[in-house]
C-alpha atoms as a PDB file:
ATOM      1  CA  MET A   1     -26.337  -5.099 -27.364  1.00  0.00           C
ATOM      2  CA  ASN A   2     -24.500  -1.936 -27.997  1.00  0.00           C
ATOM      3  CA  ARG A   3     -20.578  -2.224 -29.228  1.00  0.00           C
ATOM      4  CA  ARG A   4     -19.414  -0.394 -26.875  1.00  0.00           C
ATOM      5  CA  ILE A   5     -20.961  -2.095 -24.579  1.00  0.00           C
ATOM      6  CA  VAL A   6     -19.234  -5.094 -25.731  1.00  0.00           C
ATOM      7  CA  SER A   7     -15.823  -3.852 -26.347  1.00  0.00           C
ATOM      8  CA  ALA A   8     -16.249  -2.210 -22.437  1.00  0.00           C
ATOM      9  CA  LEU A   9     -16.863  -6.045 -20.965  1.00  0.00           C
ATOM     10  CA  LEU A  10     -14.851  -7.362 -22.670  1.00  0.00           C
ATOM     11  CA  LEU A  11     -11.690  -5.406 -21.832  1.00  0.00           C
ATOM     12  CA  PHE A  12     -12.651  -5.576 -18.053  1.00  0.00           C
ATOM     13  CA  PRO A  13     -10.747  -8.747 -17.181  1.00  0.00           C
ATOM     14  CA  LEU A  14      -7.621  -6.753 -18.491  1.00  0.00           C
ATOM     15  CA  PHE A  15      -7.833  -3.912 -16.897  1.00  0.00           C
ATOM     16  CA  SER A  16      -9.614  -4.902 -13.576  1.00  0.00           C
ATOM     17  CA  THR A  17      -6.038  -6.230 -12.560  1.00  0.00           C
ATOM     18  CA  PHE A  18      -4.284  -2.914 -13.203  1.00  0.00           C
ATOM     19  CA  SER A  19      -4.662  -0.277 -10.737  1.00  0.00           C
ATOM     20  CA  TRP A  20      -4.524   3.726 -12.156  1.00  0.00           C
ATOM     21  CA  GLY A  21      -0.398   3.301 -13.312  1.00  0.00           C
ATOM     22  CA  ALA A  22       0.310   0.345 -11.245  1.00  0.00           C
ATOM     23  CA  GLY A  23       2.059  -2.911 -11.878  1.00  0.00           C
ATOM     24  CA  PRO A  24      -0.451  -5.815 -11.744  1.00  0.00           C
ATOM     25  CA  THR A  25      -1.866  -7.126  -9.114  1.00  0.00           C
ATOM     26  CA  GLU A  26      -3.742 -10.424  -8.125  1.00  0.00           C
ATOM     27  CA  ARG A  27       0.605 -11.922  -7.858  1.00  0.00           C
ATOM     28  CA  LYS A  28       2.469 -13.701  -5.179  1.00  0.00           C
ATOM     29  CA  ALA A  29       4.159 -10.516  -3.611  1.00  0.00           C
ATOM     30  CA  GLN A  30       8.297 -10.980  -3.407  1.00  0.00           C
ATOM     31  CA  ASP A  31       9.652 -10.436  -0.376  1.00  0.00           C
ATOM     32  CA  PHE A  32      10.756  -6.983   0.450  1.00  0.00           C
ATOM     33  CA  LYS A  33      13.229  -5.669   2.839  1.00  0.00           C
ATOM     34  CA  ILE A  34      12.626  -2.133   4.494  1.00  0.00           C
ATOM     35  CA  ASN A  35      15.359  -0.446   6.099  1.00  0.00           C
ATOM     36  CA  MET A  36      15.139   0.653   9.544  1.00  0.00           C
ATOM     37  CA  VAL A  37      17.156   3.379  11.223  1.00  0.00           C
ATOM     38  CA  ASP A  38      18.620   1.613  13.844  1.00  0.00           C
ATOM     39  CA  GLY A  39      20.442  -0.171  10.895  1.00  0.00           C
ATOM     40  CA  SER A  40      18.143  -3.749  11.193  1.00  0.00           C
ATOM     41  CA  LYS A  41      15.535  -4.790   8.370  1.00  0.00           C
ATOM     42  CA  VAL A  42      12.003  -5.313   8.608  1.00  0.00           C
ATOM     43  CA  SER A  43      10.787  -8.200   6.098  1.00  0.00           C
ATOM     44  CA  LEU A  44       7.104  -8.911   4.391  1.00  0.00           C
ATOM     45  CA  GLY A  45       8.195 -12.720   4.493  1.00  0.00           C
ATOM     46  CA  GLN A  46       7.671 -11.667   8.615  1.00  0.00           C
ATOM     47  CA  TYR A  47       4.171 -11.180   8.432  1.00  0.00           C
ATOM     48  CA  GLN A  48       3.033 -14.276   6.951  1.00  0.00           C
ATOM     49  CA  GLY A  49      -0.181 -15.058   7.719  1.00  0.00           C
ATOM     50  CA  LYS A  50      -1.149 -11.675   8.485  1.00  0.00           C
ATOM     51  CA  VAL A  51      -3.267  -8.370   6.240  1.00  0.00           C
ATOM     52  CA  VAL A  52      -0.055  -6.743   5.177  1.00  0.00           C
ATOM     53  CA  VAL A  53      -0.493  -2.974   3.928  1.00  0.00           C
ATOM     54  CA  LEU A  54       2.640  -1.689   2.699  1.00  0.00           C
ATOM     55  CA  ALA A  55       3.189   2.029   2.471  1.00  0.00           C
ATOM     56  CA  MET A  56       5.536   3.777   0.698  1.00  0.00           C
ATOM     57  CA  ILE A  57       6.072   7.525   1.443  1.00  0.00           C
ATOM     58  CA  MET A  58       7.690  10.761   1.579  1.00  0.00           C
ATOM     59  CA  THR A  59       7.532  12.145   5.506  1.00  0.00           C
ATOM     60  CA  THR A  60       7.091  15.339   4.070  1.00  0.00           C
ATOM     61  CA  CYS A  61       4.079  15.061   1.939  1.00  0.00           C
ATOM     62  CA  PRO A  62       0.620  15.654   3.308  1.00  0.00           C
ATOM     63  CA  HIS A  63      -0.996  13.475   0.928  1.00  0.00           C
ATOM     64  CA  CYS A  64       1.585  10.917   2.857  1.00  0.00           C
ATOM     65  CA  GLN A  65       0.949  12.197   5.861  1.00  0.00           C
ATOM     66  CA  ALA A  66      -3.015  11.457   5.608  1.00  0.00           C
ATOM     67  CA  ALA A  67      -2.277   8.186   4.698  1.00  0.00           C
ATOM     68  CA  THR A  68      -0.353   7.757   7.825  1.00  0.00           C
ATOM     69  CA  ARG A  69      -3.233   8.487  10.005  1.00  0.00           C
ATOM     70  CA  ILE A  70      -5.634   6.518   8.605  1.00  0.00           C
ATOM     71  CA  LEU A  71      -2.440   3.291   8.848  1.00  0.00           C
ATOM     72  CA  ALA A  72      -2.865   4.477  12.200  1.00  0.00           C
ATOM     73  CA  THR A  73      -6.229   4.365  12.639  1.00  0.00           C
ATOM     74  CA  LEU A  74      -6.992   0.859  10.552  1.00  0.00           C
ATOM     75  CA  GLN A  75      -3.357  -0.932  12.608  1.00  0.00           C
ATOM     76  CA  LYS A  76      -5.301   0.299  16.265  1.00  0.00           C
ATOM     77  CA  GLU A  77      -8.780  -1.290  15.092  1.00  0.00           C
ATOM     78  CA  PHE A  78      -7.886  -4.179  12.856  1.00  0.00           C
ATOM     79  CA  GLY A  79      -4.113  -5.093  13.626  1.00  0.00           C
ATOM     80  CA  PRO A  80      -5.649  -7.689  16.520  1.00  0.00           C
ATOM     81  CA  LYS A  81      -7.756  -9.328  13.745  1.00  0.00           C
ATOM     82  CA  GLY A  82      -4.363 -10.283  11.838  1.00  0.00           C
ATOM     83  CA  LEU A  83      -3.487  -6.827   9.911  1.00  0.00           C
ATOM     84  CA  GLN A  84       0.014  -5.456  10.028  1.00  0.00           C
ATOM     85  CA  VAL A  85       1.055  -1.775   8.309  1.00  0.00           C
ATOM     86  CA  LEU A  86       4.610  -1.181   7.105  1.00  0.00           C
ATOM     87  CA  GLU A  87       5.898   1.966   5.742  1.00  0.00           C
ATOM     88  CA  ALA A  88       9.153   2.665   3.745  1.00  0.00           C
ATOM     89  CA  ALA A  89       9.942   5.945   3.469  1.00  0.00           C
ATOM     90  CA  LEU A  90      11.322   7.030   0.278  1.00  0.00           C
ATOM     91  CA  ASP A  91      13.266  10.243   1.331  1.00  0.00           C
ATOM     92  CA  GLN A  92      16.688  11.658   0.433  1.00  0.00           C
ATOM     93  CA  LYS A  93      18.098  11.334   3.820  1.00  0.00           C
ATOM     94  CA  PRO A  94      15.797   9.054   5.760  1.00  0.00           C
ATOM     95  CA  ALA A  95      18.702   8.842   8.220  1.00  0.00           C
ATOM     96  CA  GLU A  96      17.402  12.494   9.065  1.00  0.00           C
ATOM     97  CA  SER A  97      14.016  12.464   8.327  1.00  0.00           C
ATOM     98  CA  VAL A  98      12.673   8.916   9.389  1.00  0.00           C
ATOM     99  CA  PRO A  99      13.104  10.056  12.813  1.00  0.00           C
ATOM    100  CA  VAL A 100      11.599  12.925  13.153  1.00  0.00           C
ATOM    101  CA  PHE A 101       8.279  12.158  10.917  1.00  0.00           C
ATOM    102  CA  ILE A 102       8.327   8.833  13.588  1.00  0.00           C
ATOM    103  CA  LYS A 103       8.007  11.513  16.477  1.00  0.00           C
ATOM    104  CA  ASN A 104       5.503  13.259  15.223  1.00  0.00           C
ATOM    105  CA  PHE A 105       3.089  10.734  13.662  1.00  0.00           C
ATOM    106  CA  ASN A 106       3.564   8.152  16.287  1.00  0.00           C
ATOM    107  CA  PRO A 107       2.443   5.112  13.808  1.00  0.00           C
ATOM    108  CA  PRO A 108       1.641   1.898  15.463  1.00  0.00           C
ATOM    109  CA  PHE A 109       3.722   0.339  13.319  1.00  0.00           C
ATOM    110  CA  PRO A 110       7.105   0.071  11.561  1.00  0.00           C
ATOM    111  CA  VAL A 111       7.881   2.753   9.382  1.00  0.00           C
ATOM    112  CA  GLY A 112      11.761   2.645   7.814  1.00  0.00           C
ATOM    113  CA  TYR A 113      12.975   3.113   4.228  1.00  0.00           C
ATOM    114  CA  THR A 114      13.481   1.838   0.994  1.00  0.00           C
ATOM    115  CA  THR A 115      14.740   3.677  -2.382  1.00  0.00           C
ATOM    116  CA  VAL A 116      12.545   4.672  -5.212  1.00  0.00           C
ATOM    117  CA  ALA A 117      14.306   1.750  -7.915  1.00  0.00           C
ATOM    118  CA  GLU A 118      13.264  -0.699  -5.453  1.00  0.00           C
ATOM    119  CA  SER A 119       9.890   0.441  -4.443  1.00  0.00           C
ATOM    120  CA  ILE A 120       8.806   0.323  -8.522  1.00  0.00           C
ATOM    121  CA  ALA A 121      10.976  -2.524  -8.787  1.00  0.00           C
ATOM    122  CA  PHE A 122       8.551  -4.261  -5.813  1.00  0.00           C
ATOM    123  CA  MET A 123       5.247  -2.821  -7.720  1.00  0.00           C
ATOM    124  CA  GLN A 124       5.992  -3.397 -11.055  1.00  0.00           C
ATOM    125  CA  LEU A 125       5.955  -0.379 -12.336  1.00  0.00           C
ATOM    126  CA  SER A 126       8.019   1.213 -15.294  1.00  0.00           C
ATOM    127  CA  SER A 127      11.067   2.775 -14.900  1.00  0.00           C
ATOM    128  CA  LYS A 128      10.161   5.739 -17.376  1.00  0.00           C
ATOM    129  CA  LYS A 129       7.937   7.700 -15.356  1.00  0.00           C
ATOM    130  CA  ARG A 130       6.809   9.270 -12.279  1.00  0.00           C
ATOM    131  CA  TYR A 131       4.800   8.339  -9.712  1.00  0.00           C
ATOM    132  CA  TYR A 132       2.874  10.390  -7.482  1.00  0.00           C
ATOM    133  CA  VAL A 133       3.251   8.931  -3.884  1.00  0.00           C
ATOM    134  CA  PRO A 134       1.991   7.409  -1.648  1.00  0.00           C
ATOM    135  CA  TYR A 135       1.884   3.802  -2.960  1.00  0.00           C
ATOM    136  CA  VAL A 136      -0.161   1.480  -1.303  1.00  0.00           C
ATOM    137  CA  THR A 137      -0.117  -2.386  -1.678  1.00  0.00           C
ATOM    138  CA  PHE A 138      -2.791  -4.410  -0.062  1.00  0.00           C
ATOM    139  CA  ILE A 139      -1.286  -8.222   0.646  1.00  0.00           C
ATOM    140  CA  ASP A 140      -3.725 -10.507   1.453  1.00  0.00           C
ATOM    141  CA  ARG A 141      -2.905 -13.529   4.277  1.00  0.00           C
ATOM    142  CA  ASP A 142      -1.489 -16.338   0.983  1.00  0.00           C
ATOM    143  CA  GLY A 143       1.070 -13.504   0.359  1.00  0.00           C
ATOM    144  CA  MET A 144      -1.511 -12.471  -2.359  1.00  0.00           C
ATOM    145  CA  ILE A 145      -1.412  -9.088  -3.896  1.00  0.00           C
ATOM    146  CA  ARG A 146      -4.853  -8.215  -4.068  1.00  0.00           C
ATOM    147  CA  GLY A 147      -4.480  -3.995  -4.019  1.00  0.00           C
ATOM    148  CA  GLN A 148      -1.815  -1.683  -5.513  1.00  0.00           C
ATOM    149  CA  TYR A 149      -2.426   2.532  -5.943  1.00  0.00           C
ATOM    150  CA  VAL A 150      -0.263   4.986  -6.595  1.00  0.00           C
ATOM    151  CA  GLY A 151      -0.398   8.811  -5.178  1.00  0.00           C
ATOM    152  CA  ASP A 152      -2.810   9.681  -8.367  1.00  0.00           C
ATOM    153  CA  ASP A 153      -4.880   6.221  -8.382  1.00  0.00           C
ATOM    154  CA  PRO A 154      -8.647   7.977  -7.454  1.00  0.00           C
ATOM    155  CA  PHE A 155      -8.273   4.829  -4.898  1.00  0.00           C
ATOM    156  CA  ASN A 156      -6.315   7.377  -3.229  1.00  0.00           C
ATOM    157  CA  ALA A 157      -8.108  10.213  -3.830  1.00  0.00           C
ATOM    158  CA  GLU A 158      -8.287  12.797  -0.827  1.00  0.00           C
ATOM    159  CA  LYS A 159     -12.041  12.309  -0.612  1.00  0.00           C
ATOM    160  CA  ALA A 160     -12.123   9.018  -0.896  1.00  0.00           C
ATOM    161  CA  GLN A 161      -8.983   7.668   0.623  1.00  0.00           C
ATOM    162  CA  ALA A 162      -9.988   6.573   4.317  1.00  0.00           C
ATOM    163  CA  ALA A 163     -13.378   4.780   2.951  1.00  0.00           C
ATOM    164  CA  ASN A 164     -11.349   3.115  -0.190  1.00  0.00           C
ATOM    165  CA  TYR A 165      -8.332   1.907   2.400  1.00  0.00           C
ATOM    166  CA  ARG A 166     -11.063   0.864   5.155  1.00  0.00           C
ATOM    167  CA  ALA A 167     -13.027  -1.598   2.846  1.00  0.00           C
ATOM    168  CA  MET A 168      -9.689  -2.862   1.515  1.00  0.00           C
ATOM    169  CA  VAL A 169      -8.532  -3.996   4.770  1.00  0.00           C
ATOM    170  CA  ALA A 170     -12.061  -5.298   6.018  1.00  0.00           C
ATOM    171  CA  LYS A 171     -12.401  -7.424   2.886  1.00  0.00           C
ATOM    172  CA  LEU A 172      -8.812  -8.514   3.926  1.00  0.00           C
ATOM    173  CA  VAL A 173      -8.805  -9.271   7.351  1.00  0.00           C
ATOM    174  CA  ASN A 174     -12.444 -10.726   7.265  1.00  0.00           C
ATOM    175  CA  GLY A 175     -13.067 -11.745   4.091  1.00  0.00           C
ATOM    176  CA  LYS A 176     -15.307 -11.195   0.994  1.00  0.00           C
ATOM    177  CA  GLU A 177     -18.642 -11.860   2.981  1.00  0.00           C
ATOM    178  CA  ALA A 178     -18.378  -9.719   6.316  1.00  0.00           C
ATOM    179  CA  ALA A 179     -16.873  -6.760   4.054  1.00  0.00           C
ATOM    180  CA  ARG A 180     -20.181  -7.234   2.327  1.00  0.00           C
ATOM    181  CA  LYS A 181     -22.537  -6.928   5.457  1.00  0.00           C
END
């Protein structure tokens, strides 16, 4: 067998647990709290037993706004089957920007805010690098992270984003066999 192919096959398991610039996947999701504009907090722990998509966005970012539209569609479709989408804005002045964002996009899921540092820590990213938004994490019903992607990851590419999100959500909500059909 070609040495390059053998090398690639040996390295595949290492790279398959990482996404483009994101921390290791296939790990237990730590609890993460999203600050809501009304002063309350939403916690990942509240959604135990559900599939959760956690998106960290900038409210003025067109790519993040597109992700919000996609996730809104998926929430409506897969919510009755156990999906819960959550968004956390990384904006400088979330008390001003998040209510406007909610009014303009009317997402059917909670939208609050967090800090960049908290989002980087949750995703286990290097604090020495800059990452593009949205940051999107897919968590299964057992609380395991099954995929996480930063904005410039090919998974989040504009033309593939909707199909990739749908496939991942379908796989997690319906199980591996249903996603293949």
